């Protein structure tokens, strides 16, 4: 297999994800054929709220006992999760400096219904990279390899350790009541820092 960094495809990934992309000069592959691991940022995002970290989840349709490849995982719309996520983003970030700057571009992701989680995450990642003026083409794995010749980050950015990773602080909403929370979703950085988010990385 070619030597390259392999990244998972997350839902509104944490800041350290983009720092790692930049450290690898955006020479990376997105893992498309792994079995869908539970309790990861593939269908979860952490944002800030008045009470600290708020985790939001995208529900997925439960498959059979056979482990499902990530590219085939379907989103469930049994609950109104899109409305909940968008209302949460509005409530938590309406007062941030740049929320209105990104609002119109982001809201369609909470109105359009996607069948597959992979496609949804991919379109969101493309939108984020465009906002940050990163124009690297995206490449994908063609099959699953347990061992790779390169940097394997598929099991990195663990939920249990992600917020303990040291990062430079920046102004966050609710800073009057919460200490700085490192490594939240990239949208936290975008809403608070706007075009300066790229230089922050």
N, C-alpha and C. Protein backbone atom coordinates (compact mmCIF):
# COMPACT_ATOMS: atom_id res chain seq x y z
N UNK A 1 0.84 -1.20 0.00
CA UNK A 1 0.00 0.00 0.00
C UNK A 1 0.88 1.25 0.00
N UNK A 2 0.46 2.29 -0.70
CA UNK A 2 1.26 3.49 -0.80
C UNK A 2 1.45 4.14 0.56
N UNK A 3 2.57 4.83 0.70
CA UNK A 3 2.87 5.48 1.97
C UNK A 3 2.11 6.81 2.05
N UNK A 4 1.25 6.91 3.02
CA UNK A 4 0.46 8.12 3.20
C UNK A 4 -0.21 8.06 4.56
N UNK A 5 -0.62 9.21 5.06
CA UNK A 5 -1.37 9.22 6.31
C UNK A 5 -2.82 8.86 6.02
N UNK A 6 -3.38 8.00 6.86
CA UNK A 6 -4.79 7.64 6.71
C UNK A 6 -5.58 8.23 7.86
N UNK A 7 -6.62 8.97 7.52
CA UNK A 7 -7.46 9.62 8.50
C UNK A 7 -8.86 9.01 8.47
N UNK A 8 -9.53 8.99 9.61
CA UNK A 8 -10.95 8.64 9.63
C UNK A 8 -11.75 9.83 9.10
N UNK A 9 -13.00 9.60 8.78
CA UNK A 9 -13.88 10.68 8.33
C UNK A 9 -14.89 10.96 9.43
N UNK A 10 -14.74 12.13 10.06
CA UNK A 10 -15.56 12.48 11.21
C UNK A 10 -16.67 13.47 10.85
N UNK A 11 -17.61 13.59 11.77
CA UNK A 11 -18.67 14.60 11.69
C UNK A 11 -18.16 15.87 12.37
N UNK A 12 -17.96 16.94 11.62
CA UNK A 12 -17.44 18.20 12.16
C UNK A 12 -16.26 17.92 13.10
N UNK A 13 -15.13 17.46 12.55
CA UNK A 13 -14.02 16.95 13.36
C UNK A 13 -13.46 17.94 14.37
N UNK A 14 -12.75 17.44 15.40
CA UNK A 14 -12.12 18.32 16.38
C UNK A 14 -10.95 19.09 15.77
N UNK A 15 -10.55 20.14 16.45
CA UNK A 15 -9.49 21.02 15.95
C UNK A 15 -8.20 20.25 15.67
N UNK A 16 -7.84 19.32 16.56
CA UNK A 16 -6.58 18.59 16.39
C UNK A 16 -6.55 17.76 15.11
N UNK A 17 -7.70 17.39 14.60
CA UNK A 17 -7.81 16.66 13.33
C UNK A 17 -7.22 17.52 12.20
N UNK A 18 -7.59 18.80 12.20
CA UNK A 18 -7.12 19.69 11.14
C UNK A 18 -5.66 20.09 11.35
N UNK A 19 -5.24 20.15 12.61
CA UNK A 19 -3.82 20.38 12.89
C UNK A 19 -3.00 19.23 12.31
N UNK A 20 -3.49 18.01 12.50
CA UNK A 20 -2.79 16.82 11.97
C UNK A 20 -2.80 16.82 10.44
N UNK A 21 -3.90 17.23 9.83
CA UNK A 21 -3.94 17.33 8.37
C UNK A 21 -2.87 18.30 7.88
N UNK A 22 -2.79 19.44 8.54
CA UNK A 22 -1.81 20.45 8.14
C UNK A 22 -0.38 19.95 8.34
N UNK A 23 -0.14 19.24 9.45
CA UNK A 23 1.19 18.69 9.73
C UNK A 23 1.61 17.70 8.65
N UNK A 24 0.63 17.06 8.02
CA UNK A 24 0.91 16.11 6.94
C UNK A 24 0.80 16.75 5.56
N UNK A 25 0.81 18.09 5.54
CA UNK A 25 0.74 18.85 4.28
C UNK A 25 -0.45 18.43 3.43
N UNK A 26 -1.50 18.00 4.10
CA UNK A 26 -2.74 17.59 3.42
C UNK A 26 -2.50 16.47 2.42
N UNK A 27 -1.44 15.70 2.66
CA UNK A 27 -1.20 14.49 1.89
C UNK A 27 -1.76 13.31 2.68
N UNK A 28 -3.00 12.94 2.41
CA UNK A 28 -3.65 11.95 3.24
C UNK A 28 -4.72 11.20 2.45
N UNK A 29 -5.11 10.06 2.99
CA UNK A 29 -6.22 9.28 2.47
C UNK A 29 -7.32 9.24 3.52
N UNK A 30 -8.55 9.28 3.09
CA UNK A 30 -9.68 9.08 3.99
C UNK A 30 -10.08 7.61 3.95
N UNK A 31 -10.22 7.01 5.13
CA UNK A 31 -10.59 5.60 5.22
C UNK A 31 -12.05 5.41 4.86
N UNK A 32 -12.29 4.60 3.85
CA UNK A 32 -13.65 4.41 3.36
C UNK A 32 -14.19 3.01 3.63
N UNK A 33 -13.30 2.05 3.89
CA UNK A 33 -13.72 0.66 3.91
C UNK A 33 -13.64 0.00 5.29
N UNK A 34 -13.33 0.77 6.31
CA UNK A 34 -13.28 0.20 7.66
C UNK A 34 -14.67 -0.21 8.12
N UNK A 35 -14.73 -1.14 9.06
CA UNK A 35 -16.00 -1.42 9.71
C UNK A 35 -16.33 -0.26 10.64
N UNK A 36 -17.59 0.07 10.72
CA UNK A 36 -18.00 1.25 11.49
C UNK A 36 -17.78 1.03 12.98
N UNK A 37 -16.86 1.79 13.58
CA UNK A 37 -16.63 1.66 15.02
C UNK A 37 -17.60 2.55 15.80
N UNK A 38 -18.11 2.03 16.88
CA UNK A 38 -19.07 2.80 17.68
C UNK A 38 -18.35 3.77 18.61
N UNK A 39 -19.10 4.76 19.08
CA UNK A 39 -18.64 5.73 20.09
C UNK A 39 -17.36 6.46 19.64
N UNK A 40 -17.39 6.97 18.43
CA UNK A 40 -16.28 7.79 17.93
C UNK A 40 -16.86 9.06 17.33
N UNK A 41 -15.98 9.91 16.83
CA UNK A 41 -16.43 11.17 16.24
C UNK A 41 -16.96 10.99 14.82
N UNK A 42 -17.08 9.75 14.37
CA UNK A 42 -17.66 9.52 13.05
C UNK A 42 -19.13 9.94 13.02
N UNK A 43 -19.79 9.87 14.15
CA UNK A 43 -21.18 10.35 14.21
C UNK A 43 -21.45 11.15 15.49
N UNK A 44 -20.40 11.79 15.99
CA UNK A 44 -20.52 12.57 17.22
C UNK A 44 -19.70 13.86 17.06
N UNK A 45 -20.17 14.92 17.69
CA UNK A 45 -19.42 16.18 17.70
C UNK A 45 -19.49 16.79 19.09
N UNK A 46 -18.40 17.44 19.50
CA UNK A 46 -18.37 18.13 20.79
C UNK A 46 -18.31 19.63 20.55
N UNK A 47 -19.27 20.34 21.12
CA UNK A 47 -19.27 21.81 21.05
C UNK A 47 -19.33 22.35 22.48
N UNK A 48 -19.27 23.67 22.60
CA UNK A 48 -19.35 24.26 23.93
C UNK A 48 -20.78 24.72 24.21
N UNK A 49 -21.12 24.73 25.49
CA UNK A 49 -22.44 25.19 25.91
C UNK A 49 -22.27 25.96 27.22
N UNK A 50 -23.32 26.59 27.73
CA UNK A 50 -23.18 27.29 29.01
C UNK A 50 -22.73 26.37 30.15
N UNK A 51 -22.99 25.06 30.01
CA UNK A 51 -22.63 24.10 31.05
C UNK A 51 -21.38 23.29 30.73
N UNK A 52 -20.63 23.72 29.72
CA UNK A 52 -19.42 22.99 29.35
C UNK A 52 -19.59 22.25 28.04
N UNK A 53 -18.97 21.08 27.93
CA UNK A 53 -18.99 20.33 26.67
C UNK A 53 -20.38 19.74 26.42
N UNK A 54 -20.85 19.91 25.20
CA UNK A 54 -22.12 19.33 24.77
C UNK A 54 -21.83 18.40 23.59
N UNK A 55 -22.17 17.12 23.74
CA UNK A 55 -22.00 16.14 22.67
C UNK A 55 -23.31 15.95 21.92
N UNK A 56 -23.20 16.00 20.59
CA UNK A 56 -24.36 15.76 19.74
C UNK A 56 -24.08 14.52 18.89
N UNK A 57 -25.10 13.70 18.67
CA UNK A 57 -24.93 12.43 17.98
C UNK A 57 -25.83 12.35 16.75
N UNK A 58 -25.30 11.76 15.69
CA UNK A 58 -26.12 11.42 14.53
C UNK A 58 -26.55 9.96 14.69
N UNK A 59 -27.84 9.70 14.80
CA UNK A 59 -28.28 8.31 14.95
C UNK A 59 -28.12 7.56 13.63
N UNK A 60 -27.72 6.31 13.72
CA UNK A 60 -27.56 5.49 12.52
C UNK A 60 -28.50 4.30 12.59
N UNK A 61 -28.86 3.80 11.42
CA UNK A 61 -29.74 2.63 11.35
C UNK A 61 -28.97 1.40 11.78
N UNK A 62 -29.54 0.68 12.69
CA UNK A 62 -28.88 -0.52 13.19
C UNK A 62 -28.89 -1.61 12.12
N UNK A 63 -27.69 -2.12 11.81
CA UNK A 63 -27.60 -3.15 10.80
C UNK A 63 -27.77 -4.53 11.42
N UNK A 64 -27.46 -5.53 10.65
CA UNK A 64 -27.51 -6.90 11.15
C UNK A 64 -26.29 -7.12 12.04
N UNK A 65 -26.11 -8.34 12.49
CA UNK A 65 -24.99 -8.64 13.36
C UNK A 65 -23.65 -8.56 12.62
N UNK A 66 -23.73 -8.62 11.29
CA UNK A 66 -22.52 -8.48 10.49
C UNK A 66 -22.05 -7.04 10.59
N UNK A 67 -20.76 -6.85 10.84
CA UNK A 67 -20.23 -5.49 10.98
C UNK A 67 -20.34 -4.76 9.64
N UNK A 68 -20.79 -3.53 9.71
CA UNK A 68 -21.09 -2.77 8.50
C UNK A 68 -19.92 -1.89 8.10
N UNK A 69 -19.50 -1.92 6.83
CA UNK A 69 -18.48 -0.97 6.36
C UNK A 69 -18.99 0.46 6.53
N UNK A 70 -18.10 1.35 6.91
CA UNK A 70 -18.50 2.73 7.19
C UNK A 70 -19.22 3.36 6.00
N UNK A 71 -18.75 3.10 4.80
CA UNK A 71 -19.35 3.71 3.61
C UNK A 71 -20.81 3.28 3.41
N UNK A 72 -21.22 2.18 4.09
CA UNK A 72 -22.59 1.68 3.93
C UNK A 72 -23.49 1.99 5.12
N UNK A 73 -22.97 2.69 6.11
CA UNK A 73 -23.78 3.03 7.28
C UNK A 73 -24.80 4.10 6.93
N UNK A 74 -26.07 3.81 7.21
CA UNK A 74 -27.14 4.75 6.86
C UNK A 74 -27.56 5.57 8.08
N UNK A 75 -27.93 6.80 7.82
CA UNK A 75 -28.40 7.72 8.86
C UNK A 75 -29.86 7.42 9.17
N UNK A 76 -30.20 7.45 10.44
CA UNK A 76 -31.59 7.27 10.87
C UNK A 76 -32.26 8.64 11.05
N UNK A 77 -33.48 8.74 10.59
CA UNK A 77 -34.25 9.96 10.77
C UNK A 77 -35.49 9.72 11.63
N UNK A 78 -35.42 8.68 12.46
CA UNK A 78 -36.53 8.40 13.37
C UNK A 78 -36.73 9.53 14.38
N UNK A 79 -35.63 10.18 14.73
CA UNK A 79 -35.72 11.36 15.60
C UNK A 79 -35.35 12.60 14.78
N UNK A 80 -35.73 13.75 15.25
CA UNK A 80 -35.46 14.99 14.52
C UNK A 80 -34.09 15.54 14.92
N UNK A 81 -33.04 14.73 14.68
CA UNK A 81 -31.71 15.10 15.13
C UNK A 81 -31.18 16.33 14.39
N UNK A 82 -31.55 16.50 13.12
CA UNK A 82 -31.05 17.67 12.38
C UNK A 82 -31.53 18.96 13.02
N UNK A 83 -32.79 18.98 13.38
CA UNK A 83 -33.36 20.16 14.04
C UNK A 83 -32.68 20.40 15.38
N UNK A 84 -32.46 19.32 16.14
CA UNK A 84 -31.80 19.43 17.44
C UNK A 84 -30.37 19.97 17.30
N UNK A 85 -29.62 19.43 16.34
CA UNK A 85 -28.24 19.87 16.15
C UNK A 85 -28.18 21.33 15.73
N UNK A 86 -29.05 21.72 14.80
CA UNK A 86 -29.01 23.10 14.32
C UNK A 86 -29.44 24.07 15.42
N UNK A 87 -30.46 23.72 16.17
CA UNK A 87 -30.89 24.57 17.28
C UNK A 87 -29.78 24.68 18.33
N UNK A 88 -29.07 23.59 18.56
CA UNK A 88 -27.96 23.61 19.54
C UNK A 88 -26.84 24.52 19.05
N UNK A 89 -26.50 24.41 17.77
CA UNK A 89 -25.46 25.29 17.22
C UNK A 89 -25.88 26.76 17.30
N UNK A 90 -27.12 27.03 16.97
CA UNK A 90 -27.61 28.41 17.06
C UNK A 90 -27.58 28.92 18.49
N UNK A 91 -28.09 28.11 19.41
CA UNK A 91 -28.17 28.52 20.81
C UNK A 91 -26.78 28.76 21.39
N UNK A 92 -25.85 27.87 21.06
CA UNK A 92 -24.51 27.96 21.66
C UNK A 92 -23.62 28.99 20.99
N UNK A 93 -23.87 29.29 19.71
CA UNK A 93 -22.91 30.13 18.98
C UNK A 93 -23.50 31.39 18.36
N UNK A 94 -24.77 31.63 18.56
CA UNK A 94 -25.38 32.83 17.97
C UNK A 94 -24.63 34.10 18.36
N UNK A 95 -24.09 34.13 19.59
CA UNK A 95 -23.40 35.33 20.05
C UNK A 95 -21.91 35.37 19.66
N UNK A 96 -21.43 34.33 19.00
CA UNK A 96 -20.02 34.32 18.61
C UNK A 96 -19.79 35.30 17.46
N UNK A 97 -18.53 35.68 17.28
CA UNK A 97 -18.19 36.75 16.34
C UNK A 97 -18.52 36.41 14.89
N UNK A 98 -18.44 35.11 14.52
CA UNK A 98 -18.54 34.77 13.09
C UNK A 98 -19.66 33.79 12.76
N UNK A 99 -20.56 33.54 13.70
CA UNK A 99 -21.62 32.57 13.40
C UNK A 99 -22.42 32.99 12.17
N UNK A 100 -22.80 34.24 12.09
CA UNK A 100 -23.62 34.71 10.97
C UNK A 100 -22.85 34.62 9.65
N UNK A 101 -21.54 34.70 9.72
CA UNK A 101 -20.70 34.62 8.52
C UNK A 101 -20.80 33.24 7.88
N UNK A 102 -20.93 32.20 8.70
CA UNK A 102 -20.96 30.83 8.20
C UNK A 102 -22.36 30.21 8.17
N UNK A 103 -23.30 30.87 8.77
CA UNK A 103 -24.63 30.29 8.98
C UNK A 103 -25.29 29.83 7.69
N UNK A 104 -25.32 30.67 6.66
CA UNK A 104 -26.02 30.33 5.43
C UNK A 104 -25.40 29.14 4.72
N UNK A 105 -24.09 28.97 4.86
CA UNK A 105 -23.42 27.84 4.22
C UNK A 105 -23.63 26.54 4.96
N UNK A 106 -23.86 26.64 6.25
CA UNK A 106 -23.96 25.45 7.09
C UNK A 106 -25.38 24.92 7.21
N UNK A 107 -26.35 25.81 7.17
CA UNK A 107 -27.74 25.39 7.43
C UNK A 107 -28.26 24.34 6.45
N UNK A 108 -27.84 24.32 5.16
CA UNK A 108 -28.36 23.27 4.27
C UNK A 108 -28.04 21.85 4.74
N UNK A 109 -26.96 21.69 5.50
CA UNK A 109 -26.60 20.35 6.00
C UNK A 109 -27.59 19.86 7.06
N UNK A 110 -28.41 20.78 7.56
CA UNK A 110 -29.41 20.41 8.56
C UNK A 110 -30.82 20.47 7.99
N UNK A 111 -30.89 20.59 6.67
CA UNK A 111 -32.18 20.57 5.98
C UNK A 111 -32.26 19.40 4.98
N UNK A 112 -31.17 19.16 4.27
CA UNK A 112 -31.13 18.06 3.30
C UNK A 112 -30.95 16.73 4.03
N UNK A 113 -31.65 15.72 3.57
CA UNK A 113 -31.51 14.39 4.15
C UNK A 113 -30.56 13.55 3.31
N UNK A 114 -29.50 13.10 3.94
CA UNK A 114 -28.54 12.22 3.30
C UNK A 114 -28.87 10.78 3.69
N UNK A 115 -28.64 9.85 2.78
CA UNK A 115 -28.84 8.44 3.11
C UNK A 115 -27.68 7.89 3.94
N UNK A 116 -26.45 8.23 3.52
CA UNK A 116 -25.27 7.61 4.11
C UNK A 116 -24.46 8.60 4.95
N UNK A 117 -24.02 8.14 6.10
CA UNK A 117 -23.22 8.97 7.00
C UNK A 117 -21.92 9.39 6.35
N UNK A 118 -21.29 8.50 5.61
CA UNK A 118 -20.03 8.82 4.95
C UNK A 118 -20.20 10.01 4.00
N UNK A 119 -21.25 10.01 3.20
CA UNK A 119 -21.49 11.10 2.25
C UNK A 119 -21.75 12.41 2.97
N UNK A 120 -22.49 12.33 4.06
CA UNK A 120 -22.80 13.53 4.84
C UNK A 120 -21.53 14.13 5.43
N UNK A 121 -20.73 13.29 6.08
CA UNK A 121 -19.48 13.76 6.67
C UNK A 121 -18.54 14.31 5.61
N UNK A 122 -18.51 13.66 4.47
CA UNK A 122 -17.61 14.09 3.39
C UNK A 122 -17.99 15.47 2.87
N UNK A 123 -19.26 15.69 2.62
CA UNK A 123 -19.69 17.01 2.14
C UNK A 123 -19.42 18.10 3.17
N UNK A 124 -19.61 17.78 4.44
CA UNK A 124 -19.30 18.74 5.50
C UNK A 124 -17.81 19.04 5.55
N UNK A 125 -16.97 18.01 5.42
CA UNK A 125 -15.52 18.22 5.43
C UNK A 125 -15.10 19.09 4.26
N UNK A 126 -15.66 18.84 3.08
CA UNK A 126 -15.34 19.67 1.91
C UNK A 126 -15.73 21.13 2.14
N UNK A 127 -16.88 21.33 2.77
CA UNK A 127 -17.33 22.69 3.06
C UNK A 127 -16.37 23.38 4.03
N UNK A 128 -15.96 22.66 5.07
CA UNK A 128 -15.04 23.23 6.06
C UNK A 128 -13.71 23.58 5.43
N UNK A 129 -13.16 22.67 4.65
CA UNK A 129 -11.87 22.92 3.99
C UNK A 129 -11.95 24.13 3.07
N UNK A 130 -13.09 24.28 2.40
CA UNK A 130 -13.29 25.44 1.53
C UNK A 130 -13.31 26.74 2.34
N UNK A 131 -13.96 26.73 3.50
CA UNK A 131 -14.01 27.92 4.35
C UNK A 131 -12.62 28.31 4.83
N UNK A 132 -11.76 27.32 5.02
CA UNK A 132 -10.42 27.57 5.53
C UNK A 132 -9.38 27.71 4.42
N UNK A 133 -9.88 27.78 3.18
CA UNK A 133 -9.02 28.02 2.00
C UNK A 133 -7.99 26.92 1.80
N UNK A 134 -8.37 25.68 2.14
CA UNK A 134 -7.54 24.53 1.82
C UNK A 134 -8.15 23.86 0.59
N UNK A 135 -7.36 23.76 -0.46
CA UNK A 135 -7.91 23.30 -1.74
C UNK A 135 -7.34 21.95 -2.20
N UNK A 136 -6.80 21.19 -1.26
CA UNK A 136 -6.21 19.91 -1.63
C UNK A 136 -7.31 18.93 -2.06
N UNK A 137 -7.07 18.15 -3.12
CA UNK A 137 -8.05 17.14 -3.53
C UNK A 137 -8.12 16.04 -2.49
N UNK A 138 -9.29 15.46 -2.32
CA UNK A 138 -9.47 14.39 -1.35
C UNK A 138 -9.30 13.03 -2.03
N UNK A 139 -8.57 12.16 -1.37
CA UNK A 139 -8.33 10.81 -1.88
C UNK A 139 -8.79 9.79 -0.84
N UNK A 140 -9.15 8.59 -1.29
CA UNK A 140 -9.75 7.60 -0.42
C UNK A 140 -9.02 6.26 -0.52
N UNK A 141 -9.12 5.49 0.54
CA UNK A 141 -8.59 4.13 0.48
C UNK A 141 -9.45 3.33 -0.51
N UNK A 142 -8.83 2.36 -1.17
CA UNK A 142 -9.55 1.55 -2.14
C UNK A 142 -9.99 0.20 -1.56
N UNK A 143 -9.38 -0.17 -0.45
CA UNK A 143 -9.79 -1.35 0.30
C UNK A 143 -9.24 -1.21 1.71
N UNK A 144 -9.65 -2.12 2.59
CA UNK A 144 -9.22 -2.00 3.98
C UNK A 144 -7.94 -2.79 4.23
N UNK A 145 -6.96 -2.12 4.84
CA UNK A 145 -5.74 -2.77 5.30
C UNK A 145 -5.60 -2.54 6.79
N UNK A 146 -5.41 -3.61 7.53
CA UNK A 146 -5.23 -3.46 8.97
C UNK A 146 -3.91 -2.78 9.28
N UNK A 147 -2.86 -3.16 8.55
CA UNK A 147 -1.54 -2.55 8.70
C UNK A 147 -1.27 -1.70 7.47
N UNK A 148 -0.72 -0.53 7.66
CA UNK A 148 -0.40 0.33 6.52
C UNK A 148 1.05 0.79 6.58
N UNK A 149 1.58 1.15 5.43
CA UNK A 149 2.92 1.70 5.34
C UNK A 149 2.80 3.22 5.36
N UNK A 150 2.69 3.77 6.55
CA UNK A 150 2.48 5.19 6.68
C UNK A 150 1.88 5.50 8.04
N UNK A 151 1.39 6.70 8.20
CA UNK A 151 0.83 7.14 9.47
C UNK A 151 -0.64 6.75 9.56
N UNK A 152 -0.98 5.94 10.55
CA UNK A 152 -2.34 5.45 10.70
C UNK A 152 -3.03 6.20 11.84
N UNK A 153 -3.97 7.06 11.48
CA UNK A 153 -4.67 7.87 12.48
C UNK A 153 -6.14 7.45 12.61
N UNK A 154 -6.45 6.27 12.13
CA UNK A 154 -7.86 5.84 12.15
C UNK A 154 -8.39 5.63 13.55
N UNK A 155 -7.52 5.30 14.49
CA UNK A 155 -7.96 5.10 15.87
C UNK A 155 -7.53 6.24 16.79
N UNK A 156 -7.12 7.33 16.19
CA UNK A 156 -6.69 8.50 16.98
C UNK A 156 -7.89 9.38 17.31
N UNK A 157 -7.64 10.46 17.99
CA UNK A 157 -8.68 11.44 18.36
C UNK A 157 -9.77 10.75 19.18
N UNK A 158 -9.33 10.04 20.21
CA UNK A 158 -10.23 9.27 21.04
C UNK A 158 -11.09 10.17 21.92
N UNK A 159 -12.35 9.83 22.04
CA UNK A 159 -13.30 10.65 22.83
C UNK A 159 -12.85 10.82 24.28
N UNK A 160 -12.22 9.80 24.84
CA UNK A 160 -11.84 9.87 26.25
C UNK A 160 -10.65 10.81 26.49
N UNK A 161 -9.84 11.02 25.48
CA UNK A 161 -8.61 11.81 25.67
C UNK A 161 -8.59 13.10 24.87
N UNK A 162 -9.54 13.27 23.98
CA UNK A 162 -9.46 14.37 23.01
C UNK A 162 -9.38 15.75 23.66
N UNK A 163 -10.13 15.97 24.74
CA UNK A 163 -10.16 17.31 25.33
C UNK A 163 -9.01 17.56 26.31
N UNK A 164 -8.14 16.56 26.48
CA UNK A 164 -6.97 16.75 27.32
C UNK A 164 -5.73 17.10 26.49
N UNK A 165 -5.88 17.06 25.15
CA UNK A 165 -4.77 17.42 24.27
C UNK A 165 -4.52 18.92 24.38
N UNK A 166 -3.29 19.30 24.63
CA UNK A 166 -2.97 20.72 24.81
C UNK A 166 -3.01 21.45 23.48
N UNK A 167 -3.75 22.53 23.43
CA UNK A 167 -3.79 23.39 22.26
C UNK A 167 -3.77 24.84 22.74
N UNK A 168 -3.39 25.72 21.84
CA UNK A 168 -3.39 27.15 22.17
C UNK A 168 -4.82 27.60 22.46
N UNK A 169 -4.96 28.46 23.43
CA UNK A 169 -6.30 28.94 23.75
C UNK A 169 -6.71 30.07 22.80
N UNK A 170 -7.98 30.24 22.64
CA UNK A 170 -8.56 31.35 21.88
C UNK A 170 -9.87 31.71 22.56
N UNK A 171 -10.41 32.85 22.25
CA UNK A 171 -11.65 33.28 22.90
C UNK A 171 -12.79 32.37 22.49
N UNK A 172 -13.54 31.87 23.47
CA UNK A 172 -14.72 31.06 23.22
C UNK A 172 -15.94 31.71 23.84
N UNK A 173 -17.10 31.46 23.23
CA UNK A 173 -18.33 31.91 23.88
C UNK A 173 -18.43 31.21 25.24
N UNK A 174 -19.07 31.84 26.17
CA UNK A 174 -19.22 31.35 27.54
C UNK A 174 -17.89 31.32 28.31
N UNK A 175 -16.90 32.06 27.82
CA UNK A 175 -15.62 32.11 28.54
C UNK A 175 -15.77 32.80 29.89
N UNK A 176 -16.89 33.52 30.07
CA UNK A 176 -17.13 34.17 31.35
C UNK A 176 -17.55 33.15 32.43
N UNK A 177 -17.97 31.97 32.00
CA UNK A 177 -18.40 30.97 32.98
C UNK A 177 -17.65 29.64 32.87
N UNK A 178 -17.01 29.39 31.73
CA UNK A 178 -16.24 28.15 31.55
C UNK A 178 -14.78 28.47 31.31
N UNK A 179 -13.89 27.61 31.79
CA UNK A 179 -12.50 27.70 31.38
C UNK A 179 -12.40 27.30 29.92
N UNK A 180 -11.28 27.67 29.29
CA UNK A 180 -11.07 27.29 27.89
C UNK A 180 -11.16 25.77 27.74
N UNK A 181 -11.95 25.32 26.77
CA UNK A 181 -12.09 23.89 26.50
C UNK A 181 -11.33 23.59 25.21
N UNK A 182 -10.23 22.85 25.30
CA UNK A 182 -9.45 22.57 24.09
C UNK A 182 -10.10 21.51 23.22
N UNK A 183 -9.78 21.59 21.92
CA UNK A 183 -10.08 20.51 21.00
C UNK A 183 -11.56 20.21 20.82
N UNK A 184 -12.36 21.25 20.80
CA UNK A 184 -13.76 21.07 20.43
C UNK A 184 -13.84 20.93 18.91
N UNK A 185 -15.05 20.86 18.39
CA UNK A 185 -15.23 20.77 16.94
C UNK A 185 -14.60 21.97 16.24
N UNK A 186 -14.21 21.75 15.00
CA UNK A 186 -13.64 22.83 14.19
C UNK A 186 -14.62 24.00 14.06
N UNK A 187 -15.94 23.76 14.16
CA UNK A 187 -16.88 24.87 14.05
C UNK A 187 -16.75 25.83 15.23
N UNK A 188 -16.30 25.32 16.38
CA UNK A 188 -16.07 26.20 17.52
C UNK A 188 -14.98 27.21 17.17
N UNK A 189 -13.93 26.73 16.53
CA UNK A 189 -12.84 27.61 16.10
C UNK A 189 -13.30 28.57 15.01
N UNK A 190 -14.04 28.07 14.04
CA UNK A 190 -14.53 28.92 12.96
C UNK A 190 -15.48 30.01 13.47
N UNK A 191 -16.43 29.63 14.31
CA UNK A 191 -17.41 30.61 14.79
C UNK A 191 -16.76 31.69 15.65
N UNK A 192 -15.68 31.32 16.35
CA UNK A 192 -15.04 32.29 17.24
C UNK A 192 -13.89 33.06 16.59
N UNK A 193 -13.21 32.43 15.63
CA UNK A 193 -12.03 33.05 15.03
C UNK A 193 -12.19 33.42 13.57
N UNK A 194 -13.18 32.87 12.92
CA UNK A 194 -13.44 33.22 11.53
C UNK A 194 -12.24 32.92 10.62
N UNK A 195 -11.92 33.86 9.72
CA UNK A 195 -10.80 33.64 8.78
C UNK A 195 -9.45 33.41 9.46
N UNK A 196 -9.33 33.77 10.73
CA UNK A 196 -8.07 33.54 11.44
C UNK A 196 -7.89 32.08 11.85
N UNK A 197 -8.92 31.26 11.65
CA UNK A 197 -8.85 29.86 12.07
C UNK A 197 -7.71 29.13 11.36
N UNK A 198 -7.47 29.45 10.11
CA UNK A 198 -6.42 28.77 9.35
C UNK A 198 -5.05 29.07 9.96
N UNK A 199 -4.80 30.32 10.31
CA UNK A 199 -3.50 30.67 10.89
C UNK A 199 -3.36 30.12 12.30
N UNK A 200 -4.48 29.90 13.00
CA UNK A 200 -4.42 29.30 14.33
C UNK A 200 -3.80 27.91 14.25
N UNK A 201 -4.15 27.16 13.24
CA UNK A 201 -3.62 25.80 13.09
C UNK A 201 -2.12 25.82 12.88
